[in-house]
């Protein structure tokens, strides 16, 4: 373990030092997940960028409590594999002082290759728990024809994961959501839910006994796809919701892809805006006391709109 706390500012700055070969974090023995990683400058840069972004998110949102135990949720998709890889890499190098337990909830979907994840985790010596619960039958029975399964499926899955976390003595449930997931959720709520809300990097569950962590909140989806491809993870597609046409989230994805193609970097601007909200420049009376605002009030010097206003303005211009 380094003498400097892994999430002090000095430690984060040390990880930023360029050396053209991936920096001091990437010397010596490898975690088994990286044993067959490509020996290329591009891969080392990708790996270093993801490590830097995850470490910064862990630090910014106070996610790490030394000695804690985390349940790392593994679905078999590219994002959760990447999450497991980056967290395992950090722990391997003494930069993440928590215990990691990988967890897959087999939801009994027809044709799900139940052997893939246990074989993968055992082969790489990763502590894990696999549990099978037939939520598939419940979802297909309860959801009317033509409706999407995602909401009910997610609620059932989350309930089981919370239970497993408690049984395993974990204080955190760790999910693989990335930057695009967060912006998409914001836009879904914005366009269809009538509220401004996204996926927070850190959340306390309703019972108040577990935190939900998203360490890859700042990571780009394309980087996670590149990492998973380079490390040849055995990807398992979700055939339950992935088989349904017309999902609103897919429409948002397509819309964002179009914006990004026309104006590269817009996704990152919208993501940054979510961390730069100006309550005085919005309309929520519970967040800001407009009623008592009067000439001479020092709060009136809040300044011009920042990224949040710019992002919302851009969204309104791009709406059909």
C-alpha atoms as a PDB file:
ATOM      1  CA  UNK A   1       0.000   0.000   0.000  1.00  0.00           C
ATOM      2  CA  UNK A   2       1.322   3.451  -0.867  1.00  0.00           C
ATOM      3  CA  UNK A   3       2.092   5.706   2.090  1.00  0.00           C
ATOM      4  CA  UNK A   4      -0.008   8.402   0.441  1.00  0.00           C
ATOM      5  CA  UNK A   5      -3.741   7.791   0.716  1.00  0.00           C
ATOM      6  CA  UNK A   6      -4.859   6.610  -2.755  1.00  0.00           C
ATOM      7  CA  UNK A   7      -7.506   9.335  -3.019  1.00  0.00           C
ATOM      8  CA  UNK A   8      -5.536  12.319  -1.733  1.00  0.00           C
ATOM      9  CA  UNK A   9      -4.978  15.117  -4.237  1.00  0.00           C
ATOM     10  CA  UNK A  10      -1.251  14.365  -4.399  1.00  0.00           C
ATOM     11  CA  UNK A  11      -1.923  10.712  -5.231  1.00  0.00           C
ATOM     12  CA  UNK A  12      -4.314  11.677  -8.006  1.00  0.00           C
ATOM     13  CA  UNK A  13      -1.735  14.079  -9.412  1.00  0.00           C
ATOM     14  CA  UNK A  14       0.936  11.357  -9.346  1.00  0.00           C
ATOM     15  CA  UNK A  15      -1.273   9.247 -11.592  1.00  0.00           C
ATOM     16  CA  UNK A  16      -1.387  12.094 -14.110  1.00  0.00           C
ATOM     17  CA  UNK A  17       2.374  12.175 -14.738  1.00  0.00           C
ATOM     18  CA  UNK A  18       2.964  11.412 -18.428  1.00  0.00           C
ATOM     19  CA  UNK A  19       5.708   8.998 -19.437  1.00  0.00           C
ATOM     20  CA  UNK A  20       4.482   7.740 -22.789  1.00  0.00           C
ATOM     21  CA  UNK A  21       4.211   4.159 -21.547  1.00  0.00           C
ATOM     22  CA  UNK A  22       1.247   4.349 -19.218  1.00  0.00           C
ATOM     23  CA  UNK A  23       2.927   5.805 -16.124  1.00  0.00           C
ATOM     24  CA  UNK A  24       4.087   4.294 -12.830  1.00  0.00           C
ATOM     25  CA  UNK A  25       0.700   2.630 -12.266  1.00  0.00           C
ATOM     26  CA  UNK A  26       1.389   0.227 -15.101  1.00  0.00           C
ATOM     27  CA  UNK A  27       4.713  -1.371 -14.247  1.00  0.00           C
ATOM     28  CA  UNK A  28       5.400  -4.806 -12.793  1.00  0.00           C
ATOM     29  CA  UNK A  29       3.028  -7.747 -12.476  1.00  0.00           C
ATOM     30  CA  UNK A  30      -0.469  -7.632 -13.894  1.00  0.00           C
ATOM     31  CA  UNK A  31      -3.851  -8.545 -12.497  1.00  0.00           C
ATOM     32  CA  UNK A  32      -4.950 -11.791 -14.203  1.00  0.00           C
ATOM     33  CA  UNK A  33      -7.661  -9.899 -16.116  1.00  0.00           C
ATOM     34  CA  UNK A  34      -4.890  -7.981 -17.901  1.00  0.00           C
ATOM     35  CA  UNK A  35      -2.522 -10.910 -18.418  1.00  0.00           C
ATOM     36  CA  UNK A  36      -3.189 -11.008 -22.183  1.00  0.00           C
ATOM     37  CA  UNK A  37      -3.730  -7.283 -22.710  1.00  0.00           C
ATOM     38  CA  UNK A  38      -2.424  -5.812 -25.987  1.00  0.00           C
ATOM     39  CA  UNK A  39       1.140  -4.532 -25.762  1.00  0.00           C
ATOM     40  CA  UNK A  40       0.486  -1.217 -27.462  1.00  0.00           C
ATOM     41  CA  UNK A  41       0.734   2.465 -26.649  1.00  0.00           C
ATOM     42  CA  UNK A  42      -2.930   2.969 -27.575  1.00  0.00           C
ATOM     43  CA  UNK A  43      -4.099   0.341 -25.122  1.00  0.00           C
ATOM     44  CA  UNK A  44      -1.901   1.718 -22.336  1.00  0.00           C
ATOM     45  CA  UNK A  45      -3.296   5.192 -22.944  1.00  0.00           C
ATOM     46  CA  UNK A  46      -6.851   3.843 -22.872  1.00  0.00           C
ATOM     47  CA  UNK A  47      -6.209   1.947 -19.656  1.00  0.00           C
ATOM     48  CA  UNK A  48      -4.541   4.913 -17.996  1.00  0.00           C
ATOM     49  CA  UNK A  49      -7.406   7.227 -18.994  1.00  0.00           C
ATOM     50  CA  UNK A  50     -10.035   4.905 -17.523  1.00  0.00           C
ATOM     51  CA  UNK A  51      -8.057   4.464 -14.310  1.00  0.00           C
ATOM     52  CA  UNK A  52      -7.638   8.226 -13.994  1.00  0.00           C
ATOM     53  CA  UNK A  53     -11.330   8.917 -14.588  1.00  0.00           C
ATOM     54  CA  UNK A  54     -12.464   6.258 -12.120  1.00  0.00           C
ATOM     55  CA  UNK A  55     -10.016   7.404  -9.442  1.00  0.00           C
ATOM     56  CA  UNK A  56     -11.172  10.985  -9.859  1.00  0.00           C
ATOM     57  CA  UNK A  57     -14.830   9.970  -9.539  1.00  0.00           C
ATOM     58  CA  UNK A  58     -14.055   7.887  -6.444  1.00  0.00           C
ATOM     59  CA  UNK A  59     -12.341  10.908  -4.915  1.00  0.00           C
ATOM     60  CA  UNK A  60     -14.842  13.575  -5.994  1.00  0.00           C
ATOM     61  CA  UNK A  61     -17.839  11.721  -4.564  1.00  0.00           C
ATOM     62  CA  UNK A  62     -16.202  10.266  -1.458  1.00  0.00           C
ATOM     63  CA  UNK A  63     -16.903   6.672  -2.436  1.00  0.00           C
ATOM     64  CA  UNK A  64     -14.019   4.905  -0.726  1.00  0.00           C
ATOM     65  CA  UNK A  65     -14.035   3.880   2.911  1.00  0.00           C
ATOM     66  CA  UNK A  66     -10.951   1.836   3.710  1.00  0.00           C
ATOM     67  CA  UNK A  67     -11.763  -1.747   4.657  1.00  0.00           C
ATOM     68  CA  UNK A  68     -15.260  -1.687   3.155  1.00  0.00           C
ATOM     69  CA  UNK A  69     -16.674  -4.523   1.073  1.00  0.00           C
ATOM     70  CA  UNK A  70     -18.259  -3.852  -2.320  1.00  0.00           C
ATOM     71  CA  UNK A  71     -20.638  -5.997  -4.368  1.00  0.00           C
ATOM     72  CA  UNK A  72     -19.574  -5.449  -7.991  1.00  0.00           C
ATOM     73  CA  UNK A  73     -22.534  -6.288 -10.214  1.00  0.00           C
ATOM     74  CA  UNK A  74     -21.619  -8.244 -13.332  1.00  0.00           C
ATOM     75  CA  UNK A  75     -24.242  -8.734 -16.039  1.00  0.00           C
ATOM     76  CA  UNK A  76     -21.969 -10.101 -18.738  1.00  0.00           C
ATOM     77  CA  UNK A  77     -22.135  -6.902 -20.801  1.00  0.00           C
ATOM     78  CA  UNK A  78     -19.152  -4.807 -21.848  1.00  0.00           C
ATOM     79  CA  UNK A  79     -19.736  -2.120 -19.210  1.00  0.00           C
ATOM     80  CA  UNK A  80     -19.819  -4.407 -16.184  1.00  0.00           C
ATOM     81  CA  UNK A  81     -16.763  -6.318 -17.410  1.00  0.00           C
ATOM     82  CA  UNK A  82     -14.904  -3.023 -17.772  1.00  0.00           C
ATOM     83  CA  UNK A  83     -16.020  -1.984 -14.279  1.00  0.00           C
ATOM     84  CA  UNK A  84     -14.686  -5.209 -12.786  1.00  0.00           C
ATOM     85  CA  UNK A  85     -11.419  -4.867 -14.707  1.00  0.00           C
ATOM     86  CA  UNK A  86     -10.677  -1.284 -13.673  1.00  0.00           C
ATOM     87  CA  UNK A  87     -11.615  -1.809 -10.011  1.00  0.00           C
ATOM     88  CA  UNK A  88      -9.601  -5.051  -9.874  1.00  0.00           C
ATOM     89  CA  UNK A  89      -6.642  -3.259 -11.439  1.00  0.00           C
ATOM     90  CA  UNK A  90      -6.805  -0.472  -8.855  1.00  0.00           C
ATOM     91  CA  UNK A  91      -7.047  -2.948  -5.985  1.00  0.00           C
ATOM     92  CA  UNK A  92      -4.211  -5.065  -7.403  1.00  0.00           C
ATOM     93  CA  UNK A  93      -1.959  -1.989  -7.359  1.00  0.00           C
ATOM     94  CA  UNK A  94      -2.874  -1.010  -3.814  1.00  0.00           C
ATOM     95  CA  UNK A  95      -4.960   1.959  -4.927  1.00  0.00           C
ATOM     96  CA  UNK A  96      -8.377   0.736  -3.820  1.00  0.00           C
ATOM     97  CA  UNK A  97      -8.413  -0.387  -0.163  1.00  0.00           C
ATOM     98  CA  UNK A  98     -11.725  -2.258  -0.282  1.00  0.00           C
ATOM     99  CA  UNK A  99     -12.764  -5.884  -0.727  1.00  0.00           C
ATOM    100  CA  UNK A 100     -14.438  -6.708  -4.032  1.00  0.00           C
ATOM    101  CA  UNK A 101     -17.014  -9.458  -4.581  1.00  0.00           C
ATOM    102  CA  UNK A 102     -18.286  -9.920  -8.119  1.00  0.00           C
ATOM    103  CA  UNK A 103     -21.958 -10.852  -8.369  1.00  0.00           C
ATOM    104  CA  UNK A 104     -24.116 -12.093 -11.201  1.00  0.00           C
ATOM    105  CA  UNK A 105     -27.859 -12.425 -10.851  1.00  0.00           C
ATOM    106  CA  UNK A 106     -29.003 -15.055 -13.350  1.00  0.00           C
ATOM    107  CA  UNK A 107     -32.586 -13.995 -14.110  1.00  0.00           C
ATOM    108  CA  UNK A 108     -33.482 -17.253 -15.863  1.00  0.00           C
ATOM    109  CA  UNK A 109     -33.836 -15.773 -19.323  1.00  0.00           C
ATOM    110  CA  UNK A 110     -34.270 -18.540 -21.915  1.00  0.00           C
ATOM    111  CA  UNK A 111     -30.971 -19.414 -23.552  1.00  0.00           C
ATOM    112  CA  UNK A 112     -28.847 -17.535 -20.997  1.00  0.00           C
ATOM    113  CA  UNK A 113     -25.395 -19.237 -20.962  1.00  0.00           C
ATOM    114  CA  UNK A 114     -25.207 -19.800 -17.200  1.00  0.00           C
ATOM    115  CA  UNK A 115     -21.702 -21.279 -17.336  1.00  0.00           C
ATOM    116  CA  UNK A 116     -19.936 -18.306 -18.937  1.00  0.00           C
ATOM    117  CA  UNK A 117     -19.568 -15.974 -15.948  1.00  0.00           C
ATOM    118  CA  UNK A 118     -18.736 -18.618 -13.291  1.00  0.00           C
ATOM    119  CA  UNK A 119     -16.078 -20.082 -15.604  1.00  0.00           C
ATOM    120  CA  UNK A 120     -14.661 -16.638 -16.345  1.00  0.00           C
ATOM    121  CA  UNK A 121     -14.512 -15.562 -12.693  1.00  0.00           C
ATOM    122  CA  UNK A 122     -13.023 -18.844 -11.475  1.00  0.00           C
ATOM    123  CA  UNK A 123     -10.424 -18.836 -14.244  1.00  0.00           C
ATOM    124  CA  UNK A 124      -9.248 -15.378 -13.162  1.00  0.00           C
ATOM    125  CA  UNK A 125      -9.347 -16.107  -9.423  1.00  0.00           C
ATOM    126  CA  UNK A 126     -12.029 -13.502  -8.672  1.00  0.00           C
ATOM    127  CA  UNK A 127     -14.167 -13.869  -5.551  1.00  0.00           C
ATOM    128  CA  UNK A 128     -17.776 -14.077  -6.661  1.00  0.00           C
ATOM    129  CA  UNK A 129     -21.328 -15.116  -5.956  1.00  0.00           C
ATOM    130  CA  UNK A 130     -23.773 -16.376  -8.595  1.00  0.00           C
ATOM    131  CA  UNK A 131     -27.471 -16.518  -7.820  1.00  0.00           C
ATOM    132  CA  UNK A 132     -30.324 -17.672 -10.017  1.00  0.00           C
ATOM    133  CA  UNK A 133     -33.738 -16.049  -9.563  1.00  0.00           C
ATOM    134  CA  UNK A 134     -36.499 -16.418 -12.126  1.00  0.00           C
ATOM    135  CA  UNK A 135     -37.468 -12.775 -12.547  1.00  0.00           C
ATOM    136  CA  UNK A 136     -37.936 -13.396 -16.273  1.00  0.00           C
ATOM    137  CA  UNK A 137     -41.235 -15.243 -15.753  1.00  0.00           C
ATOM    138  CA  UNK A 138     -42.501 -12.532 -13.421  1.00  0.00           C
ATOM    139  CA  UNK A 139     -41.677  -9.748 -15.875  1.00  0.00           C
ATOM    140  CA  UNK A 140     -43.170 -11.461 -18.915  1.00  0.00           C
ATOM    141  CA  UNK A 141     -46.309 -12.325 -16.927  1.00  0.00           C
ATOM    142  CA  UNK A 142     -46.874  -8.893 -15.380  1.00  0.00           C
ATOM    143  CA  UNK A 143     -45.976  -6.594 -18.285  1.00  0.00           C
ATOM    144  CA  UNK A 144     -48.637  -6.173 -20.948  1.00  0.00           C
ATOM    145  CA  UNK A 145     -47.875  -7.016 -24.552  1.00  0.00           C
ATOM    146  CA  UNK A 146     -46.144  -4.165 -26.320  1.00  0.00           C
ATOM    147  CA  UNK A 147     -44.852  -2.557 -23.106  1.00  0.00           C
ATOM    148  CA  UNK A 148     -41.176  -2.462 -22.198  1.00  0.00           C
ATOM    149  CA  UNK A 149     -39.789  -4.762 -19.550  1.00  0.00           C
ATOM    150  CA  UNK A 150     -36.967  -2.525 -18.334  1.00  0.00           C
ATOM    151  CA  UNK A 151     -38.644  -0.807 -15.374  1.00  0.00           C
ATOM    152  CA  UNK A 152     -40.020  -3.902 -13.634  1.00  0.00           C
ATOM    153  CA  UNK A 153     -36.972  -5.986 -14.522  1.00  0.00           C
ATOM    154  CA  UNK A 154     -34.696  -3.332 -13.030  1.00  0.00           C
ATOM    155  CA  UNK A 155     -36.701  -3.080  -9.797  1.00  0.00           C
ATOM    156  CA  UNK A 156     -36.713  -6.838  -9.270  1.00  0.00           C
ATOM    157  CA  UNK A 157     -33.021  -7.106 -10.032  1.00  0.00           C
ATOM    158  CA  UNK A 158     -32.129  -4.229  -7.711  1.00  0.00           C
ATOM    159  CA  UNK A 159     -34.095  -5.785  -4.840  1.00  0.00           C
ATOM    160  CA  UNK A 160     -32.217  -9.064  -5.161  1.00  0.00           C
ATOM    161  CA  UNK A 161     -28.859  -7.295  -5.425  1.00  0.00           C
ATOM    162  CA  UNK A 162     -29.561  -5.339  -2.236  1.00  0.00           C
ATOM    163  CA  UNK A 163     -30.413  -8.588  -0.460  1.00  0.00           C
ATOM    164  CA  UNK A 164     -27.270 -10.310  -1.722  1.00  0.00           C
ATOM    165  CA  UNK A 165     -25.145  -7.334  -0.673  1.00  0.00           C
ATOM    166  CA  UNK A 166     -26.502  -7.574   2.863  1.00  0.00           C
ATOM    167  CA  UNK A 167     -25.951 -11.328   2.970  1.00  0.00           C
ATOM    168  CA  UNK A 168     -22.358 -10.870   1.813  1.00  0.00           C
ATOM    169  CA  UNK A 169     -21.671  -8.139   4.381  1.00  0.00           C
ATOM    170  CA  UNK A 170     -21.218  -5.461   1.693  1.00  0.00           C
ATOM    171  CA  UNK A 171     -21.898  -1.780   2.284  1.00  0.00           C
ATOM    172  CA  UNK A 172     -22.024  -0.805  -1.386  1.00  0.00           C
ATOM    173  CA  UNK A 173     -23.630  -2.083  -4.582  1.00  0.00           C
ATOM    174  CA  UNK A 174     -21.394  -1.054  -7.484  1.00  0.00           C
ATOM    175  CA  UNK A 175     -22.852  -0.601 -10.980  1.00  0.00           C
ATOM    176  CA  UNK A 176     -21.289  -0.142 -14.397  1.00  0.00           C
ATOM    177  CA  UNK A 177     -23.194   2.892 -15.671  1.00  0.00           C
ATOM    178  CA  UNK A 178     -21.125   5.306 -17.733  1.00  0.00           C
ATOM    179  CA  UNK A 179     -21.293   8.875 -19.024  1.00  0.00           C
ATOM    180  CA  UNK A 180     -23.748   8.155 -21.842  1.00  0.00           C
ATOM    181  CA  UNK A 181     -26.079   6.226 -19.519  1.00  0.00           C
ATOM    182  CA  UNK A 182     -26.228   9.225 -17.209  1.00  0.00           C
ATOM    183  CA  UNK A 183     -26.885  11.782 -19.945  1.00  0.00           C
ATOM    184  CA  UNK A 184     -29.487   9.503 -21.568  1.00  0.00           C
ATOM    185  CA  UNK A 185     -31.300   9.150 -18.252  1.00  0.00           C
ATOM    186  CA  UNK A 186     -31.309  12.919 -17.805  1.00  0.00           C
ATOM    187  CA  UNK A 187     -32.789  13.403 -21.281  1.00  0.00           C
ATOM    188  CA  UNK A 188     -35.395  10.674 -20.731  1.00  0.00           C
ATOM    189  CA  UNK A 189     -36.528  12.390 -17.537  1.00  0.00           C
ATOM    190  CA  UNK A 190     -36.337  15.796 -19.230  1.00  0.00           C
ATOM    191  CA  UNK A 191     -38.380  14.840 -22.307  1.00  0.00           C
ATOM    192  CA  UNK A 192     -40.753  12.226 -20.890  1.00  0.00           C
ATOM    193  CA  UNK A 193     -40.749  12.519 -17.087  1.00  0.00           C
ATOM    194  CA  UNK A 194     -41.128  16.260 -16.622  1.00  0.00           C
ATOM    195  CA  UNK A 195     -38.208  16.443 -14.197  1.00  0.00           C
ATOM    196  CA  UNK A 196     -34.498  17.156 -14.219  1.00  0.00           C
ATOM    197  CA  UNK A 197     -32.847  14.054 -12.794  1.00  0.00           C
ATOM    198  CA  UNK A 198     -30.139  11.618 -13.843  1.00  0.00           C
ATOM    199  CA  UNK A 199     -28.153   8.763 -12.281  1.00  0.00           C
ATOM    200  CA  UNK A 200     -26.033  10.098  -9.402  1.00  0.00           C
ATOM    201  CA  UNK A 201     -22.537   8.645  -8.993  1.00  0.00           C
ATOM    202  CA  UNK A 202     -23.342   7.921  -5.335  1.00  0.00           C
ATOM    203  CA  UNK A 203     -26.767   7.208  -3.868  1.00  0.00           C
ATOM    204  CA  UNK A 204     -28.104   5.993  -0.523  1.00  0.00           C
ATOM    205  CA  UNK A 205     -30.787   3.325  -0.869  1.00  0.00           C
ATOM    206  CA  UNK A 206     -34.253   3.860   0.608  1.00  0.00           C
ATOM    207  CA  UNK A 207     -33.482   1.784   3.700  1.00  0.00           C
ATOM    208  CA  UNK A 208     -30.363   3.829   4.332  1.00  0.00           C
ATOM    209  CA  UNK A 209     -28.073   0.823   4.847  1.00  0.00           C
ATOM    210  CA  UNK A 210     -26.402   0.562   1.428  1.00  0.00           C
ATOM    211  CA  UNK A 211     -24.820   2.958  -1.021  1.00  0.00           C
ATOM    212  CA  UNK A 212     -25.145   2.559  -4.772  1.00  0.00           C
ATOM    213  CA  UNK A 213     -21.909   3.554  -6.510  1.00  0.00           C
ATOM    214  CA  UNK A 214     -21.196   4.308 -10.172  1.00  0.00           C
ATOM    215  CA  UNK A 215     -17.405   4.726 -10.361  1.00  0.00           C
ATOM    216  CA  UNK A 216     -17.416   4.909 -14.175  1.00  0.00           C
ATOM    217  CA  UNK A 217     -19.775   7.887 -14.282  1.00  0.00           C
ATOM    218  CA  UNK A 218     -17.238   9.993 -16.182  1.00  0.00           C
ATOM    219  CA  UNK A 219     -16.092   7.253 -18.579  1.00  0.00           C
ATOM    220  CA  UNK A 220     -17.095   7.296 -22.237  1.00  0.00           C
ATOM    221  CA  UNK A 221     -19.014   4.269 -23.478  1.00  0.00           C
ATOM    222  CA  UNK A 222     -16.734   3.891 -26.487  1.00  0.00           C
ATOM    223  CA  UNK A 223     -13.722   3.560 -24.176  1.00  0.00           C
ATOM    224  CA  UNK A 224     -15.403   0.768 -22.210  1.00  0.00           C
ATOM    225  CA  UNK A 225     -16.251  -1.006 -25.469  1.00  0.00           C
ATOM    226  CA  UNK A 226     -12.620  -0.720 -26.584  1.00  0.00           C
ATOM    227  CA  UNK A 227     -11.340  -2.087 -23.265  1.00  0.00           C
ATOM    228  CA  UNK A 228     -13.751  -5.028 -23.290  1.00  0.00           C
ATOM    229  CA  UNK A 229     -12.873  -5.848 -26.889  1.00  0.00           C
ATOM    230  CA  UNK A 230      -9.124  -5.599 -26.282  1.00  0.00           C
ATOM    231  CA  UNK A 231      -9.320  -7.906 -23.264  1.00  0.00           C
ATOM    232  CA  UNK A 232     -11.622 -10.343 -25.145  1.00  0.00           C
ATOM    233  CA  UNK A 233     -14.294 -10.521 -22.472  1.00  0.00           C
ATOM    234  CA  UNK A 234     -17.041 -13.103 -23.217  1.00  0.00           C
ATOM    235  CA  UNK A 235     -19.942 -10.712 -23.768  1.00  0.00           C
ATOM    236  CA  UNK A 236     -23.457 -11.973 -23.004  1.00  0.00           C
ATOM    237  CA  UNK A 237     -26.214  -9.925 -24.694  1.00  0.00           C
ATOM    238  CA  UNK A 238     -29.448  -9.090 -22.858  1.00  0.00           C
ATOM    239  CA  UNK A 239     -32.152 -10.685 -24.984  1.00  0.00           C
ATOM    240  CA  UNK A 240     -35.007  -9.685 -22.685  1.00  0.00           C
ATOM    241  CA  UNK A 241     -35.180  -5.925 -23.263  1.00  0.00           C
ATOM    242  CA  UNK A 242     -32.717  -5.837 -26.142  1.00  0.00           C
ATOM    243  CA  UNK A 243     -35.225  -7.693 -28.298  1.00  0.00           C
ATOM    244  CA  UNK A 244     -37.919  -5.021 -27.925  1.00  0.00           C
ATOM    245  CA  UNK A 245     -38.337  -2.359 -30.591  1.00  0.00           C
ATOM    246  CA  UNK A 246     -39.135   1.284 -30.038  1.00  0.00           C
ATOM    247  CA  UNK A 247     -37.580   1.755 -26.613  1.00  0.00           C
ATOM    248  CA  UNK A 248     -37.471   5.420 -25.637  1.00  0.00           C
ATOM    249  CA  UNK A 249     -33.884   5.030 -24.429  1.00  0.00           C
ATOM    250  CA  UNK A 250     -32.826   3.803 -27.866  1.00  0.00           C
ATOM    251  CA  UNK A 251     -34.450   6.850 -29.426  1.00  0.00           C
ATOM    252  CA  UNK A 252     -32.485   9.054 -27.032  1.00  0.00           C
ATOM    253  CA  UNK A 253     -29.304   7.147 -27.921  1.00  0.00           C
ATOM    254  CA  UNK A 254     -29.919   7.768 -31.612  1.00  0.00           C
ATOM    255  CA  UNK A 255     -30.634  11.441 -30.966  1.00  0.00           C
ATOM    256  CA  UNK A 256     -27.419  11.843 -28.967  1.00  0.00           C
ATOM    257  CA  UNK A 257     -25.421  10.042 -31.660  1.00  0.00           C
ATOM    258  CA  UNK A 258     -26.748  12.509 -34.207  1.00  0.00           C
ATOM    259  CA  UNK A 259     -25.810  15.487 -32.048  1.00  0.00           C
ATOM    260  CA  UNK A 260     -22.351  14.053 -31.465  1.00  0.00           C
ATOM    261  CA  UNK A 261     -21.828  13.525 -35.164  1.00  0.00           C
ATOM    262  CA  UNK A 262     -22.883  17.081 -35.985  1.00  0.00           C
ATOM    263  CA  UNK A 263     -21.090  18.685 -33.038  1.00  0.00           C
ATOM    264  CA  UNK A 264     -18.391  16.420 -31.525  1.00  0.00           C
ATOM    265  CA  UNK A 265     -17.982  16.838 -27.785  1.00  0.00           C
ATOM    266  CA  UNK A 266     -21.623  17.688 -27.051  1.00  0.00           C
ATOM    267  CA  UNK A 267     -22.151  14.628 -24.870  1.00  0.00           C
ATOM    268  CA  UNK A 268     -19.275  15.680 -22.639  1.00  0.00           C
ATOM    269  CA  UNK A 269     -20.662  19.232 -22.411  1.00  0.00           C
ATOM    270  CA  UNK A 270     -24.066  17.917 -21.313  1.00  0.00           C
ATOM    271  CA  UNK A 271     -22.402  15.599 -18.810  1.00  0.00           C
ATOM    272  CA  UNK A 272     -20.394  18.503 -17.389  1.00  0.00           C
ATOM    273  CA  UNK A 273     -23.565  20.561 -17.152  1.00  0.00           C
ATOM    274  CA  UNK A 274     -25.076  18.023 -14.749  1.00  0.00           C
ATOM    275  CA  UNK A 275     -22.311  18.876 -12.278  1.00  0.00           C
ATOM    276  CA  UNK A 276     -22.748  22.624 -12.833  1.00  0.00           C
ATOM    277  CA  UNK A 277     -26.400  23.325 -12.042  1.00  0.00           C
ATOM    278  CA  UNK A 278     -27.537  26.865 -11.173  1.00  0.00           C
ATOM    279  CA  UNK A 279     -30.705  26.636  -9.029  1.00  0.00           C
ATOM    280  CA  UNK A 280     -31.189  30.410  -9.280  1.00  0.00           C
ATOM    281  CA  UNK A 281     -31.454  30.081 -13.067  1.00  0.00           C
ATOM    282  CA  UNK A 282     -34.014  27.285 -13.056  1.00  0.00           C
ATOM    283  CA  UNK A 283     -37.635  27.172 -11.817  1.00  0.00           C
ATOM    284  CA  UNK A 284     -37.619  24.839  -8.824  1.00  0.00           C
ATOM    285  CA  UNK A 285     -38.929  26.792  -5.816  1.00  0.00           C
ATOM    286  CA  UNK A 286     -37.831  24.044  -3.441  1.00  0.00           C
ATOM    287  CA  UNK A 287     -34.211  24.474  -4.499  1.00  0.00           C
ATOM    288  CA  UNK A 288     -34.212  28.272  -4.543  1.00  0.00           C
ATOM    289  CA  UNK A 289     -36.227  30.840  -2.588  1.00  0.00           C
ATOM    290  CA  UNK A 290     -37.493  33.059  -5.404  1.00  0.00           C
ATOM    291  CA  UNK A 291     -40.324  34.512  -3.324  1.00  0.00           C
ATOM    292  CA  UNK A 292     -38.033  36.394  -0.943  1.00  0.00           C
ATOM    293  CA  UNK A 293     -35.593  37.552  -3.635  1.00  0.00           C
ATOM    294  CA  UNK A 294     -35.601  41.366  -3.848  1.00  0.00           C
ATOM    295  CA  UNK A 295     -33.345  44.213  -5.002  1.00  0.00           C
ATOM    296  CA  UNK A 296     -30.239  44.417  -2.859  1.00  0.00           C
ATOM    297  CA  UNK A 297     -30.202  40.684  -2.094  1.00  0.00           C
ATOM    298  CA  UNK A 298     -26.643  39.391  -2.495  1.00  0.00           C
ATOM    299  CA  UNK A 299     -28.027  36.235  -4.074  1.00  0.00           C
ATOM    300  CA  UNK A 300     -28.971  38.280  -7.102  1.00  0.00           C
ATOM    301  CA  UNK A 301     -25.310  38.424  -8.177  1.00  0.00           C
ATOM    302  CA  UNK A 302     -25.194  34.740  -9.028  1.00  0.00           C
ATOM    303  CA  UNK A 303     -23.772  35.423 -12.498  1.00  0.00           C
ATOM    304  CA  UNK A 304     -24.708  34.426 -16.010  1.00  0.00           C
ATOM    305  CA  UNK A 305     -25.849  31.033 -17.134  1.00  0.00           C
ATOM    306  CA  UNK A 306     -23.081  28.437 -17.219  1.00  0.00           C
ATOM    307  CA  UNK A 307     -22.852  25.094 -18.932  1.00  0.00           C
ATOM    308  CA  UNK A 308     -26.284  24.053 -17.631  1.00  0.00           C
ATOM    309  CA  UNK A 309     -28.011  26.938 -19.386  1.00  0.00           C
ATOM    310  CA  UNK A 310     -25.961  26.402 -22.536  1.00  0.00           C
ATOM    311  CA  UNK A 311     -26.835  22.724 -22.644  1.00  0.00           C
ATOM    312  CA  UNK A 312     -30.561  23.357 -22.150  1.00  0.00           C
ATOM    313  CA  UNK A 313     -30.481  26.051 -24.834  1.00  0.00           C
ATOM    314  CA  UNK A 314     -28.801  23.632 -27.224  1.00  0.00           C
ATOM    315  CA  UNK A 315     -31.393  20.940 -26.481  1.00  0.00           C
ATOM    316  CA  UNK A 316     -34.280  23.313 -27.224  1.00  0.00           C
ATOM    317  CA  UNK A 317     -32.721  24.300 -30.559  1.00  0.00           C
ATOM    318  CA  UNK A 318     -32.302  20.680 -31.618  1.00  0.00           C
ATOM    319  CA  UNK A 319     -35.814  19.560 -30.760  1.00  0.00           C
ATOM    320  CA  UNK A 320     -37.969  18.811 -33.809  1.00  0.00           C
END
